[in-house]
Amino acid sequence: MNKPDAYQWSIFAGIVLLLIGVQLRLVDSYVLNPTATGVLARITGPPAESPQGSIRQLVVETTSPKKQLRPWPWLGWACLSLGTVLTSFGVMHKWRKK
């Protein structure tokens, strides 16, 4: 089996970015489940040893909060644009190589 060339990687990365861009444009917001919200609170919050951290940990463990993520509106367009450029570059590079 041959090792993939740079143009094949750019085609693959372009298609993945196109799909991510379409997903970001179609979905308004993402809601995390309580487990993911707790993990996010532990990673991004203050340390558990501090008073603020212990209060946050208590609130996350006793309630069922759901974190809502809203991506920036321009992020979907940026992924679509970059995916189009990468895919076009890979296809044109492959075409010129023949």
C-alpha atoms as a PDB file:
ATOM      1  CA  MET A   1       0.000   0.000   0.000  1.00  0.00           C
ATOM      2  CA  ASN A   2       1.360   3.412  -0.946  1.00  0.00           C
ATOM      3  CA  LYS A   3       1.865   6.186   1.563  1.00  0.00           C
ATOM      4  CA  PRO A   4      -0.730   8.963   1.116  1.00  0.00           C
ATOM      5  CA  ASP A   5       0.555  12.076  -0.624  1.00  0.00           C
ATOM      6  CA  ALA A   6       0.068  15.652   0.528  1.00  0.00           C
ATOM      7  CA  TYR A   7      -2.801  16.184  -1.900  1.00  0.00           C
ATOM      8  CA  GLN A   8      -4.669  13.194  -0.483  1.00  0.00           C
ATOM      9  CA  TRP A   9      -4.274  14.589   3.031  1.00  0.00           C
ATOM     10  CA  SER A  10      -5.510  17.996   1.913  1.00  0.00           C
ATOM     11  CA  ILE A  11      -8.548  16.426   0.236  1.00  0.00           C
ATOM     12  CA  PHE A  12      -9.330  14.465   3.403  1.00  0.00           C
ATOM     13  CA  ALA A  13      -8.828  17.488   5.687  1.00  0.00           C
ATOM     14  CA  GLY A  14     -10.919  19.632   3.339  1.00  0.00           C
ATOM     15  CA  ILE A  15     -13.828  17.202   3.359  1.00  0.00           C
ATOM     16  CA  VAL A  16     -13.700  16.931   7.156  1.00  0.00           C
ATOM     17  CA  LEU A  17     -13.690  20.730   7.487  1.00  0.00           C
ATOM     18  CA  LEU A  18     -16.565  20.991   5.014  1.00  0.00           C
ATOM     19  CA  LEU A  19     -18.619  18.568   7.098  1.00  0.00           C
ATOM     20  CA  ILE A  20     -17.768  20.392  10.330  1.00  0.00           C
ATOM     21  CA  GLY A  21     -18.717  23.700   8.706  1.00  0.00           C
ATOM     22  CA  VAL A  22     -22.073  22.333   7.547  1.00  0.00           C
ATOM     23  CA  GLN A  23     -22.721  20.977  11.050  1.00  0.00           C
ATOM     24  CA  LEU A  24     -21.873  24.326  12.645  1.00  0.00           C
ATOM     25  CA  ARG A  25     -24.121  26.194  10.212  1.00  0.00           C
ATOM     26  CA  LEU A  26     -27.114  23.861  10.701  1.00  0.00           C
ATOM     27  CA  VAL A  27     -27.077  23.583  14.508  1.00  0.00           C
ATOM     28  CA  ASP A  28     -27.806  26.668  16.609  1.00  0.00           C
ATOM     29  CA  SER A  29     -26.448  25.401  19.930  1.00  0.00           C
ATOM     30  CA  TYR A  30     -25.125  22.262  21.584  1.00  0.00           C
ATOM     31  CA  VAL A  31     -26.359  21.086  25.004  1.00  0.00           C
ATOM     32  CA  LEU A  32     -23.973  18.977  27.073  1.00  0.00           C
ATOM     33  CA  ASN A  33     -25.284  16.216  29.313  1.00  0.00           C
ATOM     34  CA  PRO A  34     -24.743  16.525  33.103  1.00  0.00           C
ATOM     35  CA  THR A  35     -21.654  14.267  33.038  1.00  0.00           C
ATOM     36  CA  ALA A  36     -19.929  16.333  30.361  1.00  0.00           C
ATOM     37  CA  THR A  37     -20.934  19.533  32.160  1.00  0.00           C
ATOM     38  CA  GLY A  38     -19.347  18.219  35.381  1.00  0.00           C
ATOM     39  CA  VAL A  39     -16.126  17.329  33.558  1.00  0.00           C
ATOM     40  CA  LEU A  40     -16.052  20.764  31.932  1.00  0.00           C
ATOM     41  CA  ALA A  41     -16.632  22.440  35.310  1.00  0.00           C
ATOM     42  CA  ARG A  42     -13.784  20.463  36.901  1.00  0.00           C
ATOM     43  CA  ILE A  43     -11.364  21.267  34.077  1.00  0.00           C
ATOM     44  CA  THR A  44     -12.152  24.953  33.611  1.00  0.00           C
ATOM     45  CA  GLY A  45     -13.208  25.912  37.123  1.00  0.00           C
ATOM     46  CA  PRO A  46     -11.188  26.899  40.157  1.00  0.00           C
ATOM     47  CA  PRO A  47      -9.358  24.129  42.071  1.00  0.00           C
ATOM     48  CA  ALA A  48     -11.535  21.965  44.310  1.00  0.00           C
ATOM     49  CA  GLU A  49      -9.452  22.991  47.359  1.00  0.00           C
ATOM     50  CA  SER A  50     -10.542  26.630  47.081  1.00  0.00           C
ATOM     51  CA  PRO A  51     -13.886  27.823  48.513  1.00  0.00           C
ATOM     52  CA  GLN A  52     -15.221  28.729  45.061  1.00  0.00           C
ATOM     53  CA  GLY A  53     -14.193  25.326  43.710  1.00  0.00           C
ATOM     54  CA  SER A  54     -15.886  23.411  46.520  1.00  0.00           C
ATOM     55  CA  ILE A  55     -19.103  25.398  46.050  1.00  0.00           C
ATOM     56  CA  ARG A  56     -19.033  24.795  42.296  1.00  0.00           C
ATOM     57  CA  GLN A  57     -18.371  21.077  42.808  1.00  0.00           C
ATOM     58  CA  LEU A  58     -21.271  20.842  45.277  1.00  0.00           C
ATOM     59  CA  VAL A  59     -23.651  22.577  42.866  1.00  0.00           C
ATOM     60  CA  VAL A  60     -22.600  20.416  39.907  1.00  0.00           C
ATOM     61  CA  GLU A  61     -22.902  17.169  41.906  1.00  0.00           C
ATOM     62  CA  THR A  62     -26.273  17.933  43.551  1.00  0.00           C
ATOM     63  CA  THR A  63     -28.102  19.429  40.594  1.00  0.00           C
ATOM     64  CA  SER A  64     -28.350  18.312  36.996  1.00  0.00           C
ATOM     65  CA  PRO A  65     -27.036  21.356  35.107  1.00  0.00           C
ATOM     66  CA  LYS A  66     -26.697  21.302  31.367  1.00  0.00           C
ATOM     67  CA  LYS A  67     -24.138  23.543  29.735  1.00  0.00           C
ATOM     68  CA  GLN A  68     -25.269  25.114  26.474  1.00  0.00           C
ATOM     69  CA  LEU A  69     -22.570  25.910  23.907  1.00  0.00           C
ATOM     70  CA  ARG A  70     -23.269  28.402  21.135  1.00  0.00           C
ATOM     71  CA  PRO A  71     -20.550  28.517  18.460  1.00  0.00           C
ATOM     72  CA  TRP A  72     -19.665  31.857  16.914  1.00  0.00           C
ATOM     73  CA  PRO A  73     -21.667  32.536  13.745  1.00  0.00           C
ATOM     74  CA  TRP A  74     -18.534  33.041  11.645  1.00  0.00           C
ATOM     75  CA  LEU A  75     -16.968  29.718  12.674  1.00  0.00           C
ATOM     76  CA  GLY A  76     -19.143  27.634  10.342  1.00  0.00           C
ATOM     77  CA  TRP A  77     -18.368  29.908   7.394  1.00  0.00           C
ATOM     78  CA  ALA A  78     -14.657  29.787   8.184  1.00  0.00           C
ATOM     79  CA  CYS A  79     -14.654  25.971   8.245  1.00  0.00           C
ATOM     80  CA  LEU A  80     -16.610  25.839   4.998  1.00  0.00           C
ATOM     81  CA  SER A  81     -14.221  28.267   3.313  1.00  0.00           C
ATOM     82  CA  LEU A  82     -11.069  26.529   4.500  1.00  0.00           C
ATOM     83  CA  GLY A  83     -12.495  23.122   3.579  1.00  0.00           C
ATOM     84  CA  THR A  84     -13.318  24.334   0.081  1.00  0.00           C
ATOM     85  CA  VAL A  85      -9.815  25.737  -0.400  1.00  0.00           C
ATOM     86  CA  LEU A  86      -8.103  22.582   0.880  1.00  0.00           C
ATOM     87  CA  THR A  87     -10.274  20.260  -1.184  1.00  0.00           C
ATOM     88  CA  SER A  88      -9.795  22.354  -4.324  1.00  0.00           C
ATOM     89  CA  PHE A  89      -6.041  22.492  -3.740  1.00  0.00           C
ATOM     90  CA  GLY A  90      -5.838  18.725  -3.335  1.00  0.00           C
ATOM     91  CA  VAL A  91      -7.928  17.999  -6.413  1.00  0.00           C
ATOM     92  CA  MET A  92      -6.024  20.492  -8.572  1.00  0.00           C
ATOM     93  CA  HIS A  93      -2.667  19.239  -7.306  1.00  0.00           C
ATOM     94  CA  LYS A  94      -3.665  15.648  -8.088  1.00  0.00           C
ATOM     95  CA  TRP A  95      -4.911  16.694 -11.517  1.00  0.00           C
ATOM     96  CA  ARG A  96      -1.664  18.552 -12.345  1.00  0.00           C
ATOM     97  CA  LYS A  97       0.453  15.625 -11.149  1.00  0.00           C
ATOM     98  CA  LYS A  98      -0.941  13.259 -13.806  1.00  0.00           C
END
